[in-house]
Amino acid sequence: MWTLEQTQQFLGACASSRSHYAPLFVFLCGTGLRVSEALGLRWGDVTTDAISIRRALVANAGRNPSIQAPKSGAGNRTVTLTAPAAAALTRLQRGPDEAAVFLTSIGTLPGHHNLLRALKAVCVHAGVPPVGLHQLRHVHASMLLAHGVDLASVSRRLGHSNVAITASVYTHAVHQDRAAASAFDRALTG
């Protein structure tokens, strides 16, 4: 997982990047959405400070991807936009309410391999270890947990159906925060 400094480097590189997909990468890192949820997002789901998750673009083995309901009932949610995510949306040409937010330069839905290739290029440009698309979600959640956001709030933001799922996936971030608090206490008591 990236450090805070690496995340800042990545977001800075995306802000200055000419990559067509840089706004999507910032958006994923800034919201914690699944890639499928971001690709299912329509302009009618976007307000000035939040997005409504109602659908996902799901890959089907051997067939074209299709729009489906979110992964779980908890996946239907409203997510408040962070400053980087809101800024990423302003870099895009707003379309009609039913139009997809994130498209290729020719107006089609992007493919996973093209997104991954572009992400790796931005990571190299930023000087950070390359990650996969889903790791941007992990960066978001880990940052929230490491900075004191409670597990239930992170779970809701991620659209997990159960807090136990969030706890099992992000145990490392919770333990890092506990270790940091313990180190601070030890430093004060000498």
N, C-alpha and C. Protein backbone atom coordinates (compact mmCIF):
# COMPACT_ATOMS: atom_id res chain seq x y z
N MET A 1 0.85 -1.18 0.00
CA MET A 1 0.00 0.00 0.00
C MET A 1 0.89 1.24 0.00
N TRP A 2 0.43 2.28 -0.66
CA TRP A 2 1.18 3.52 -0.70
C TRP A 2 1.15 4.25 0.63
N THR A 3 2.19 5.01 0.87
CA THR A 3 2.21 5.92 2.00
C THR A 3 1.40 7.17 1.63
N LEU A 4 1.19 8.04 2.60
CA LEU A 4 0.50 9.30 2.34
C LEU A 4 1.29 10.11 1.31
N GLU A 5 2.60 10.14 1.44
CA GLU A 5 3.44 10.89 0.50
C GLU A 5 3.31 10.32 -0.92
N GLN A 6 3.32 9.01 -1.05
CA GLN A 6 3.18 8.40 -2.37
C GLN A 6 1.80 8.69 -2.97
N THR A 7 0.78 8.67 -2.14
CA THR A 7 -0.56 8.98 -2.62
C THR A 7 -0.62 10.42 -3.12
N GLN A 8 0.00 11.32 -2.38
CA GLN A 8 0.05 12.72 -2.81
C GLN A 8 0.82 12.87 -4.12
N GLN A 9 1.93 12.13 -4.26
CA GLN A 9 2.69 12.16 -5.51
C GLN A 9 1.82 11.68 -6.68
N PHE A 10 1.10 10.59 -6.44
CA PHE A 10 0.24 10.03 -7.48
C PHE A 10 -0.85 11.03 -7.89
N LEU A 11 -1.52 11.62 -6.90
CA LEU A 11 -2.58 12.58 -7.21
C LEU A 11 -2.02 13.80 -7.94
N GLY A 12 -0.83 14.25 -7.54
CA GLY A 12 -0.19 15.36 -8.23
C GLY A 12 0.16 15.02 -9.67
N ALA A 13 0.66 13.80 -9.88
CA ALA A 13 0.98 13.37 -11.23
C ALA A 13 -0.28 13.27 -12.08
N CYS A 14 -1.36 12.81 -11.50
CA CYS A 14 -2.63 12.73 -12.24
C CYS A 14 -3.13 14.13 -12.61
N ALA A 15 -2.97 15.08 -11.70
CA ALA A 15 -3.45 16.44 -11.95
C ALA A 15 -2.73 17.08 -13.14
N SER A 16 -1.46 16.73 -13.32
CA SER A 16 -0.70 17.32 -14.42
C SER A 16 -0.60 16.38 -15.63
N SER A 17 -1.16 15.20 -15.51
CA SER A 17 -1.05 14.19 -16.57
C SER A 17 -1.94 14.52 -17.77
N ARG A 18 -1.45 14.15 -18.93
CA ARG A 18 -2.25 14.28 -20.15
C ARG A 18 -3.02 13.00 -20.43
N SER A 19 -2.89 12.01 -19.55
CA SER A 19 -3.62 10.76 -19.74
C SER A 19 -5.12 11.02 -19.70
N HIS A 20 -5.82 10.49 -20.66
CA HIS A 20 -7.27 10.64 -20.72
C HIS A 20 -7.94 10.06 -19.47
N TYR A 21 -7.31 9.08 -18.86
CA TYR A 21 -7.92 8.38 -17.73
C TYR A 21 -7.47 8.91 -16.37
N ALA A 22 -6.61 9.91 -16.33
CA ALA A 22 -6.14 10.45 -15.05
C ALA A 22 -7.31 10.89 -14.15
N PRO A 23 -8.34 11.57 -14.66
CA PRO A 23 -9.45 11.93 -13.78
C PRO A 23 -10.14 10.71 -13.15
N LEU A 24 -10.25 9.62 -13.90
CA LEU A 24 -10.83 8.40 -13.34
C LEU A 24 -9.97 7.87 -12.20
N PHE A 25 -8.66 7.87 -12.36
CA PHE A 25 -7.77 7.36 -11.33
C PHE A 25 -7.87 8.20 -10.05
N VAL A 26 -7.92 9.51 -10.21
CA VAL A 26 -8.09 10.39 -9.04
C VAL A 26 -9.44 10.12 -8.39
N PHE A 27 -10.47 9.96 -9.21
CA PHE A 27 -11.81 9.71 -8.71
C PHE A 27 -11.87 8.41 -7.91
N LEU A 28 -11.25 7.35 -8.42
CA LEU A 28 -11.24 6.07 -7.71
C LEU A 28 -10.50 6.20 -6.38
N CYS A 29 -9.37 6.86 -6.40
CA CYS A 29 -8.58 7.03 -5.18
C CYS A 29 -9.31 7.94 -4.19
N GLY A 30 -10.03 8.92 -4.69
CA GLY A 30 -10.72 9.88 -3.84
C GLY A 30 -12.08 9.46 -3.34
N THR A 31 -12.64 8.39 -3.89
CA THR A 31 -13.98 7.96 -3.44
C THR A 31 -14.00 6.55 -2.86
N GLY A 32 -13.04 5.72 -3.25
CA GLY A 32 -13.05 4.33 -2.82
C GLY A 32 -14.04 3.47 -3.58
N LEU A 33 -14.56 3.97 -4.69
CA LEU A 33 -15.50 3.18 -5.48
C LEU A 33 -14.80 1.99 -6.14
N ARG A 34 -15.57 0.96 -6.40
CA ARG A 34 -15.10 -0.13 -7.25
C ARG A 34 -15.02 0.42 -8.68
N VAL A 35 -14.12 -0.10 -9.48
CA VAL A 35 -14.00 0.35 -10.87
C VAL A 35 -15.34 0.16 -11.58
N SER A 36 -15.99 -0.96 -11.33
CA SER A 36 -17.28 -1.24 -11.99
C SER A 36 -18.33 -0.18 -11.63
N GLU A 37 -18.29 0.31 -10.39
CA GLU A 37 -19.25 1.34 -9.97
C GLU A 37 -18.96 2.67 -10.66
N ALA A 38 -17.67 3.01 -10.76
CA ALA A 38 -17.31 4.27 -11.42
C ALA A 38 -17.69 4.22 -12.90
N LEU A 39 -17.48 3.07 -13.55
CA LEU A 39 -17.82 2.95 -14.97
C LEU A 39 -19.33 2.86 -15.19
N GLY A 40 -20.09 2.52 -14.17
CA GLY A 40 -21.54 2.50 -14.26
C GLY A 40 -22.17 3.85 -13.93
N LEU A 41 -21.37 4.79 -13.46
CA LEU A 41 -21.87 6.11 -13.05
C LEU A 41 -22.36 6.91 -14.25
N ARG A 42 -23.49 7.55 -14.08
CA ARG A 42 -24.07 8.42 -15.11
C ARG A 42 -24.08 9.85 -14.58
N TRP A 43 -24.08 10.82 -15.49
CA TRP A 43 -24.06 12.22 -15.06
C TRP A 43 -25.26 12.58 -14.20
N GLY A 44 -26.37 11.92 -14.39
CA GLY A 44 -27.54 12.17 -13.55
C GLY A 44 -27.35 11.71 -12.11
N ASP A 45 -26.30 10.91 -11.86
CA ASP A 45 -25.99 10.44 -10.51
C ASP A 45 -25.07 11.40 -9.76
N VAL A 46 -24.62 12.45 -10.44
CA VAL A 46 -23.62 13.36 -9.89
C VAL A 46 -24.26 14.68 -9.47
N THR A 47 -24.00 15.10 -8.22
CA THR A 47 -24.35 16.45 -7.79
C THR A 47 -23.04 17.18 -7.49
N THR A 48 -23.13 18.40 -7.01
CA THR A 48 -21.90 19.16 -6.75
C THR A 48 -21.06 18.57 -5.64
N ASP A 49 -21.68 17.85 -4.71
CA ASP A 49 -20.90 17.35 -3.57
C ASP A 49 -21.04 15.85 -3.30
N ALA A 50 -21.78 15.13 -4.13
CA ALA A 50 -21.99 13.70 -3.87
C ALA A 50 -22.34 12.97 -5.17
N ILE A 51 -22.24 11.65 -5.09
CA ILE A 51 -22.65 10.79 -6.20
C ILE A 51 -23.55 9.69 -5.63
N SER A 52 -24.48 9.26 -6.45
CA SER A 52 -25.37 8.16 -6.07
C SER A 52 -24.95 6.92 -6.85
N ILE A 53 -24.66 5.86 -6.14
CA ILE A 53 -24.26 4.61 -6.77
C ILE A 53 -25.52 3.76 -6.92
N ARG A 54 -25.88 3.49 -8.17
CA ARG A 54 -27.10 2.74 -8.46
C ARG A 54 -26.85 1.57 -9.40
N ARG A 55 -25.67 1.55 -10.04
CA ARG A 55 -25.39 0.52 -11.04
C ARG A 55 -23.90 0.31 -11.14
N ALA A 56 -23.53 -0.77 -11.80
CA ALA A 56 -22.13 -1.10 -12.03
C ALA A 56 -21.99 -1.72 -13.42
N LEU A 57 -20.86 -1.48 -14.04
CA LEU A 57 -20.56 -2.12 -15.32
C LEU A 57 -19.82 -3.42 -15.00
N VAL A 58 -20.48 -4.53 -15.25
CA VAL A 58 -19.96 -5.83 -14.83
C VAL A 58 -19.50 -6.63 -16.04
N ALA A 59 -18.28 -7.15 -15.94
CA ALA A 59 -17.74 -8.00 -17.02
C ALA A 59 -18.40 -9.36 -16.95
N ASN A 60 -18.80 -9.87 -18.09
CA ASN A 60 -19.41 -11.19 -18.18
C ASN A 60 -18.48 -12.08 -18.99
N ALA A 61 -18.16 -13.24 -18.48
CA ALA A 61 -17.22 -14.15 -19.16
C ALA A 61 -17.64 -14.39 -20.60
N GLY A 62 -16.76 -14.02 -21.53
CA GLY A 62 -17.00 -14.29 -22.93
C GLY A 62 -18.02 -13.40 -23.61
N ARG A 63 -18.60 -12.45 -22.88
CA ARG A 63 -19.61 -11.56 -23.48
C ARG A 63 -19.24 -10.12 -23.18
N ASN A 64 -19.97 -9.23 -23.79
CA ASN A 64 -19.77 -7.81 -23.52
C ASN A 64 -20.19 -7.48 -22.09
N PRO A 65 -19.54 -6.50 -21.48
CA PRO A 65 -19.96 -6.08 -20.14
C PRO A 65 -21.40 -5.58 -20.16
N SER A 66 -22.06 -5.65 -19.01
CA SER A 66 -23.43 -5.18 -18.92
C SER A 66 -23.61 -4.36 -17.65
N ILE A 67 -24.60 -3.50 -17.70
CA ILE A 67 -24.93 -2.69 -16.54
C ILE A 67 -25.82 -3.53 -15.63
N GLN A 68 -25.44 -3.62 -14.36
CA GLN A 68 -26.19 -4.39 -13.37
C GLN A 68 -26.30 -3.59 -12.08
N ALA A 69 -27.07 -4.12 -11.16
CA ALA A 69 -27.17 -3.52 -9.83
C ALA A 69 -25.82 -3.65 -9.14
N PRO A 70 -25.55 -2.81 -8.14
CA PRO A 70 -24.30 -2.94 -7.40
C PRO A 70 -24.14 -4.33 -6.79
N LYS A 71 -22.92 -4.62 -6.38
CA LYS A 71 -22.54 -5.95 -5.90
C LYS A 71 -23.43 -6.45 -4.76
N SER A 72 -23.86 -5.56 -3.88
CA SER A 72 -24.74 -5.95 -2.77
C SER A 72 -25.78 -4.86 -2.57
N GLY A 73 -26.76 -5.12 -1.72
CA GLY A 73 -27.76 -4.10 -1.40
C GLY A 73 -27.13 -2.86 -0.80
N ALA A 74 -26.07 -3.06 -0.03
CA ALA A 74 -25.36 -1.93 0.58
C ALA A 74 -24.62 -1.12 -0.48
N GLY A 75 -24.47 -1.70 -1.67
CA GLY A 75 -23.79 -0.99 -2.75
C GLY A 75 -24.59 0.19 -3.27
N ASN A 76 -25.91 0.17 -3.09
CA ASN A 76 -26.74 1.33 -3.42
C ASN A 76 -26.53 2.35 -2.32
N ARG A 77 -25.82 3.43 -2.64
CA ARG A 77 -25.48 4.37 -1.60
C ARG A 77 -25.16 5.73 -2.21
N THR A 78 -25.06 6.72 -1.35
CA THR A 78 -24.61 8.04 -1.74
C THR A 78 -23.24 8.26 -1.12
N VAL A 79 -22.30 8.70 -1.92
CA VAL A 79 -20.93 8.92 -1.46
C VAL A 79 -20.61 10.40 -1.63
N THR A 80 -20.20 11.03 -0.53
CA THR A 80 -19.78 12.43 -0.57
C THR A 80 -18.45 12.53 -1.30
N LEU A 81 -18.34 13.51 -2.17
CA LEU A 81 -17.11 13.69 -2.94
C LEU A 81 -16.02 14.35 -2.10
N THR A 82 -14.82 13.82 -2.20
CA THR A 82 -13.66 14.48 -1.62
C THR A 82 -13.24 15.58 -2.58
N ALA A 83 -12.39 16.48 -2.14
CA ALA A 83 -11.93 17.57 -3.01
C ALA A 83 -11.24 17.04 -4.27
N PRO A 84 -10.33 16.04 -4.17
CA PRO A 84 -9.72 15.53 -5.40
C PRO A 84 -10.74 14.90 -6.36
N ALA A 85 -11.72 14.17 -5.82
CA ALA A 85 -12.72 13.53 -6.68
C ALA A 85 -13.58 14.57 -7.39
N ALA A 86 -13.98 15.61 -6.65
CA ALA A 86 -14.78 16.68 -7.27
C ALA A 86 -13.97 17.40 -8.35
N ALA A 87 -12.68 17.64 -8.08
CA ALA A 87 -11.83 18.30 -9.07
C ALA A 87 -11.66 17.43 -10.32
N ALA A 88 -11.57 16.12 -10.11
CA ALA A 88 -11.44 15.20 -11.25
C ALA A 88 -12.67 15.30 -12.16
N LEU A 89 -13.84 15.40 -11.56
CA LEU A 89 -15.06 15.50 -12.37
C LEU A 89 -15.11 16.80 -13.17
N THR A 90 -14.53 17.86 -12.63
CA THR A 90 -14.56 19.14 -13.36
C THR A 90 -13.66 19.11 -14.60
N ARG A 91 -12.74 18.15 -14.65
CA ARG A 91 -11.87 18.01 -15.83
C ARG A 91 -12.60 17.34 -17.00
N LEU A 92 -13.78 16.80 -16.74
CA LEU A 92 -14.53 16.05 -17.76
C LEU A 92 -15.61 16.91 -18.39
N GLN A 93 -15.94 16.58 -19.60
CA GLN A 93 -17.05 17.24 -20.31
C GLN A 93 -18.35 16.62 -19.80
N ARG A 94 -19.17 17.41 -19.15
CA ARG A 94 -20.44 16.89 -18.64
C ARG A 94 -21.37 16.58 -19.80
N GLY A 95 -21.97 15.40 -19.74
CA GLY A 95 -22.90 14.99 -20.78
C GLY A 95 -24.32 15.01 -20.26
N PRO A 96 -25.25 14.49 -21.05
CA PRO A 96 -26.64 14.38 -20.60
C PRO A 96 -26.73 13.45 -19.39
N ASP A 97 -27.80 13.56 -18.64
CA ASP A 97 -27.96 12.77 -17.41
C ASP A 97 -27.76 11.27 -17.61
N GLU A 98 -28.17 10.74 -18.76
CA GLU A 98 -28.08 9.29 -18.98
C GLU A 98 -26.71 8.85 -19.52
N ALA A 99 -25.83 9.81 -19.82
CA ALA A 99 -24.51 9.49 -20.37
C ALA A 99 -23.55 9.03 -19.28
N ALA A 100 -22.70 8.08 -19.62
CA ALA A 100 -21.67 7.61 -18.69
C ALA A 100 -20.68 8.73 -18.41
N VAL A 101 -20.19 8.78 -17.19
CA VAL A 101 -19.24 9.82 -16.78
C VAL A 101 -17.86 9.54 -17.36
N PHE A 102 -17.41 8.30 -17.26
CA PHE A 102 -16.06 7.96 -17.69
C PHE A 102 -16.09 7.16 -18.99
N LEU A 103 -15.58 7.78 -20.05
CA LEU A 103 -15.58 7.18 -21.37
C LEU A 103 -14.19 7.27 -21.99
N THR A 104 -13.99 6.54 -23.07
CA THR A 104 -12.76 6.66 -23.83
C THR A 104 -12.80 7.97 -24.61
N SER A 105 -11.71 8.29 -25.28
CA SER A 105 -11.66 9.52 -26.08
C SER A 105 -12.61 9.45 -27.28
N ILE A 106 -13.07 8.24 -27.64
CA ILE A 106 -14.03 8.12 -28.75
C ILE A 106 -15.46 7.88 -28.26
N GLY A 107 -15.67 8.01 -26.94
CA GLY A 107 -17.02 7.95 -26.41
C GLY A 107 -17.55 6.58 -26.06
N THR A 108 -16.68 5.58 -25.94
CA THR A 108 -17.11 4.24 -25.53
C THR A 108 -16.65 3.97 -24.11
N LEU A 109 -17.17 2.91 -23.52
CA LEU A 109 -16.73 2.53 -22.18
C LEU A 109 -15.33 1.95 -22.25
N PRO A 110 -14.44 2.35 -21.35
CA PRO A 110 -13.05 1.88 -21.42
C PRO A 110 -12.92 0.41 -21.02
N GLY A 111 -11.94 -0.25 -21.63
CA GLY A 111 -11.63 -1.63 -21.30
C GLY A 111 -10.64 -1.71 -20.16
N HIS A 112 -10.72 -2.79 -19.41
CA HIS A 112 -9.87 -2.99 -18.23
C HIS A 112 -8.38 -2.93 -18.57
N HIS A 113 -7.98 -3.58 -19.64
CA HIS A 113 -6.55 -3.63 -19.99
C HIS A 113 -6.02 -2.24 -20.36
N ASN A 114 -6.80 -1.45 -21.07
CA ASN A 114 -6.38 -0.10 -21.41
C ASN A 114 -6.26 0.77 -20.16
N LEU A 115 -7.21 0.61 -19.24
CA LEU A 115 -7.14 1.37 -17.99
C LEU A 115 -5.91 0.98 -17.18
N LEU A 116 -5.65 -0.31 -17.11
CA LEU A 116 -4.50 -0.79 -16.33
C LEU A 116 -3.20 -0.29 -16.93
N ARG A 117 -3.09 -0.32 -18.24
CA ARG A 117 -1.88 0.17 -18.92
C ARG A 117 -1.68 1.66 -18.62
N ALA A 118 -2.74 2.43 -18.70
CA ALA A 118 -2.66 3.87 -18.43
C ALA A 118 -2.31 4.14 -16.97
N LEU A 119 -2.88 3.34 -16.05
CA LEU A 119 -2.59 3.51 -14.63
C LEU A 119 -1.11 3.25 -14.35
N LYS A 120 -0.59 2.20 -14.91
CA LYS A 120 0.83 1.89 -14.70
C LYS A 120 1.72 3.02 -15.21
N ALA A 121 1.36 3.61 -16.35
CA ALA A 121 2.14 4.73 -16.90
C ALA A 121 2.11 5.93 -15.96
N VAL A 122 0.94 6.23 -15.38
CA VAL A 122 0.84 7.35 -14.45
C VAL A 122 1.65 7.06 -13.18
N CYS A 123 1.62 5.82 -12.72
CA CYS A 123 2.41 5.44 -11.54
C CYS A 123 3.89 5.65 -11.79
N VAL A 124 4.37 5.24 -12.96
CA VAL A 124 5.78 5.43 -13.31
C VAL A 124 6.09 6.93 -13.33
N HIS A 125 5.22 7.71 -13.96
CA HIS A 125 5.41 9.16 -14.03
C HIS A 125 5.45 9.78 -12.62
N ALA A 126 4.63 9.26 -11.72
CA ALA A 126 4.56 9.77 -10.35
C ALA A 126 5.72 9.28 -9.48
N GLY A 127 6.41 8.24 -9.93
CA GLY A 127 7.50 7.68 -9.14
C GLY A 127 7.02 6.86 -7.96
N VAL A 128 5.85 6.23 -8.13
CA VAL A 128 5.29 5.38 -7.07
C VAL A 128 5.21 3.95 -7.58
N PRO A 129 5.20 2.97 -6.67
CA PRO A 129 5.07 1.58 -7.12
C PRO A 129 3.76 1.39 -7.89
N PRO A 130 3.82 0.71 -9.03
CA PRO A 130 2.59 0.46 -9.79
C PRO A 130 1.60 -0.38 -8.98
N VAL A 131 0.34 -0.06 -9.13
CA VAL A 131 -0.73 -0.80 -8.47
C VAL A 131 -1.79 -1.15 -9.50
N GLY A 132 -2.69 -2.04 -9.12
CA GLY A 132 -3.83 -2.35 -9.96
C GLY A 132 -4.96 -1.36 -9.69
N LEU A 133 -5.97 -1.39 -10.53
CA LEU A 133 -7.10 -0.47 -10.39
C LEU A 133 -7.80 -0.62 -9.04
N HIS A 134 -7.99 -1.85 -8.59
CA HIS A 134 -8.70 -2.07 -7.33
C HIS A 134 -7.90 -1.56 -6.13
N GLN A 135 -6.58 -1.48 -6.27
CA GLN A 135 -5.76 -0.99 -5.17
C GLN A 135 -6.03 0.48 -4.87
N LEU A 136 -6.55 1.24 -5.82
CA LEU A 136 -6.90 2.63 -5.53
C LEU A 136 -8.02 2.69 -4.50
N ARG A 137 -8.91 1.71 -4.54
CA ARG A 137 -9.97 1.58 -3.52
C ARG A 137 -9.34 1.28 -2.16
N HIS A 138 -8.35 0.40 -2.17
CA HIS A 138 -7.68 0.04 -0.91
C HIS A 138 -6.90 1.23 -0.35
N VAL A 139 -6.29 2.01 -1.22
CA VAL A 139 -5.57 3.21 -0.76
C VAL A 139 -6.54 4.13 -0.04
N HIS A 140 -7.71 4.35 -0.64
CA HIS A 140 -8.71 5.23 -0.05
C HIS A 140 -9.14 4.73 1.34
N ALA A 141 -9.52 3.47 1.42
CA ALA A 141 -10.00 2.92 2.69
C ALA A 141 -8.90 2.91 3.74
N SER A 142 -7.70 2.54 3.35
CA SER A 142 -6.60 2.49 4.30
C SER A 142 -6.28 3.87 4.86
N MET A 143 -6.34 4.89 4.00
CA MET A 143 -6.09 6.27 4.46
C MET A 143 -7.16 6.69 5.47
N LEU A 144 -8.41 6.37 5.17
CA LEU A 144 -9.49 6.74 6.10
C LEU A 144 -9.28 6.09 7.46
N LEU A 145 -9.01 4.80 7.45
CA LEU A 145 -8.84 4.08 8.70
C LEU A 145 -7.60 4.54 9.46
N ALA A 146 -6.52 4.77 8.75
CA ALA A 146 -5.28 5.22 9.39
C ALA A 146 -5.42 6.62 9.99
N HIS A 147 -6.38 7.39 9.49
CA HIS A 147 -6.58 8.73 10.02
C HIS A 147 -7.80 8.84 10.92
N GLY A 148 -8.22 7.71 11.46
CA GLY A 148 -9.20 7.72 12.54
C GLY A 148 -10.66 7.61 12.18
N VAL A 149 -10.99 7.41 10.92
CA VAL A 149 -12.40 7.23 10.55
C VAL A 149 -12.84 5.86 11.05
N ASP A 150 -14.00 5.80 11.69
CA ASP A 150 -14.44 4.53 12.27
C ASP A 150 -14.77 3.51 11.19
N LEU A 151 -14.64 2.25 11.58
CA LEU A 151 -14.81 1.13 10.66
C LEU A 151 -16.20 1.10 10.03
N ALA A 152 -17.24 1.39 10.80
CA ALA A 152 -18.59 1.37 10.25
C ALA A 152 -18.78 2.42 9.16
N SER A 153 -18.22 3.60 9.34
CA SER A 153 -18.33 4.65 8.32
C SER A 153 -17.59 4.27 7.05
N VAL A 154 -16.39 3.69 7.20
CA VAL A 154 -15.63 3.25 6.04
C VAL A 154 -16.39 2.14 5.31
N SER A 155 -16.97 1.23 6.06
CA SER A 155 -17.73 0.13 5.48
C SER A 155 -18.90 0.65 4.65
N ARG A 156 -19.64 1.61 5.19
CA ARG A 156 -20.77 2.20 4.44
C ARG A 156 -20.28 2.91 3.18
N ARG A 157 -19.19 3.65 3.31
CA ARG A 157 -18.65 4.39 2.16
C ARG A 157 -18.24 3.44 1.04
N LEU A 158 -17.67 2.30 1.41
CA LEU A 158 -17.22 1.32 0.42
C LEU A 158 -18.36 0.48 -0.15
N GLY A 159 -19.52 0.50 0.52
CA GLY A 159 -20.65 -0.30 0.05
C GLY A 159 -20.55 -1.76 0.46
N HIS A 160 -19.82 -2.01 1.54
CA HIS A 160 -19.75 -3.38 2.04
C HIS A 160 -21.05 -3.74 2.74
N SER A 161 -21.49 -4.98 2.57
CA SER A 161 -22.75 -5.41 3.18
C SER A 161 -22.61 -5.67 4.67
N ASN A 162 -21.37 -5.77 5.15
CA ASN A 162 -21.13 -6.12 6.55
C ASN A 162 -19.82 -5.49 7.00
N VAL A 163 -19.81 -4.93 8.19
CA VAL A 163 -18.60 -4.32 8.74
C VAL A 163 -17.48 -5.35 8.88
N ALA A 164 -17.85 -6.60 9.10
CA ALA A 164 -16.84 -7.65 9.24
C ALA A 164 -16.02 -7.81 7.96
N ILE A 165 -16.63 -7.58 6.82
CA ILE A 165 -15.89 -7.64 5.55
C ILE A 165 -14.82 -6.56 5.54
N THR A 166 -15.21 -5.36 5.90
CA THR A 166 -14.26 -4.24 5.93
C THR A 166 -13.14 -4.54 6.92
N ALA A 167 -13.50 -5.04 8.09
CA ALA A 167 -12.50 -5.34 9.11
C ALA A 167 -11.51 -6.40 8.64
N SER A 168 -12.01 -7.42 7.95
CA SER A 168 -11.11 -8.50 7.51
C SER A 168 -10.18 -8.04 6.39
N VAL A 169 -10.66 -7.18 5.50
CA VAL A 169 -9.84 -6.71 4.38
C VAL A 169 -8.84 -5.64 4.82
N TYR A 170 -9.25 -4.80 5.76
CA TYR A 170 -8.42 -3.64 6.12
C TYR A 170 -7.82 -3.73 7.52
N THR A 171 -7.63 -4.93 8.02
CA THR A 171 -7.03 -5.13 9.34
C THR A 171 -5.68 -4.43 9.43
N HIS A 172 -4.90 -4.48 8.35
CA HIS A 172 -3.57 -3.86 8.37
C HIS A 172 -3.64 -2.38 8.72
N ALA A 173 -4.62 -1.67 8.18
CA ALA A 173 -4.72 -0.24 8.44
C ALA A 173 -5.13 0.03 9.88
N VAL A 174 -6.03 -0.78 10.41
CA VAL A 174 -6.45 -0.62 11.80
C VAL A 174 -5.27 -0.89 12.72
N HIS A 175 -4.51 -1.94 12.44
CA HIS A 175 -3.35 -2.26 13.27
C HIS A 175 -2.28 -1.19 13.16
N GLN A 176 -2.07 -0.62 11.97
CA GLN A 176 -1.09 0.45 11.82
C GLN A 176 -1.48 1.65 12.67
N ASP A 177 -2.76 1.98 12.70
CA ASP A 177 -3.21 3.11 13.49
C ASP A 177 -3.02 2.83 14.98
N ARG A 178 -3.34 1.62 15.41
CA ARG A 178 -3.12 1.27 16.82
C ARG A 178 -1.65 1.34 17.18
N ALA A 179 -0.79 0.87 16.28
CA ALA A 179 0.65 0.92 16.52
C ALA A 179 1.13 2.36 16.61
N ALA A 180 0.58 3.23 15.77
CA ALA A 180 0.95 4.64 15.82
C ALA A 180 0.52 5.27 17.14
N ALA A 181 -0.68 4.96 17.59
CA ALA A 181 -1.15 5.50 18.87
C ALA A 181 -0.29 5.00 20.03
N SER A 182 0.06 3.72 19.99
CA SER A 182 0.91 3.16 21.04
C SER A 182 2.28 3.81 21.04
N ALA A 183 2.83 4.05 19.86
CA ALA A 183 4.15 4.71 19.77
C ALA A 183 4.09 6.12 20.34
N PHE A 184 3.00 6.81 20.06
CA PHE A 184 2.83 8.17 20.59
C PHE A 184 2.77 8.13 22.12
N ASP A 185 1.98 7.18 22.66
CA ASP A 185 1.88 7.04 24.10
C ASP A 185 3.23 6.73 24.74
N ARG A 186 3.98 5.83 24.10
CA ARG A 186 5.31 5.47 24.62
C ARG A 186 6.24 6.67 24.60
N ALA A 187 6.16 7.48 23.56
CA ALA A 187 7.02 8.66 23.47
C ALA A 187 6.70 9.65 24.58
N LEU A 188 5.45 9.78 24.93
CA LEU A 188 5.06 10.73 25.99
C LEU A 188 5.49 10.24 27.38
N THR A 189 5.45 8.93 27.57
CA THR A 189 5.77 8.42 28.90
C THR A 189 7.26 8.12 29.05
N GLY A 190 7.99 8.26 27.97
CA GLY A 190 9.44 8.07 28.03
C GLY A 190 9.79 6.63 28.18
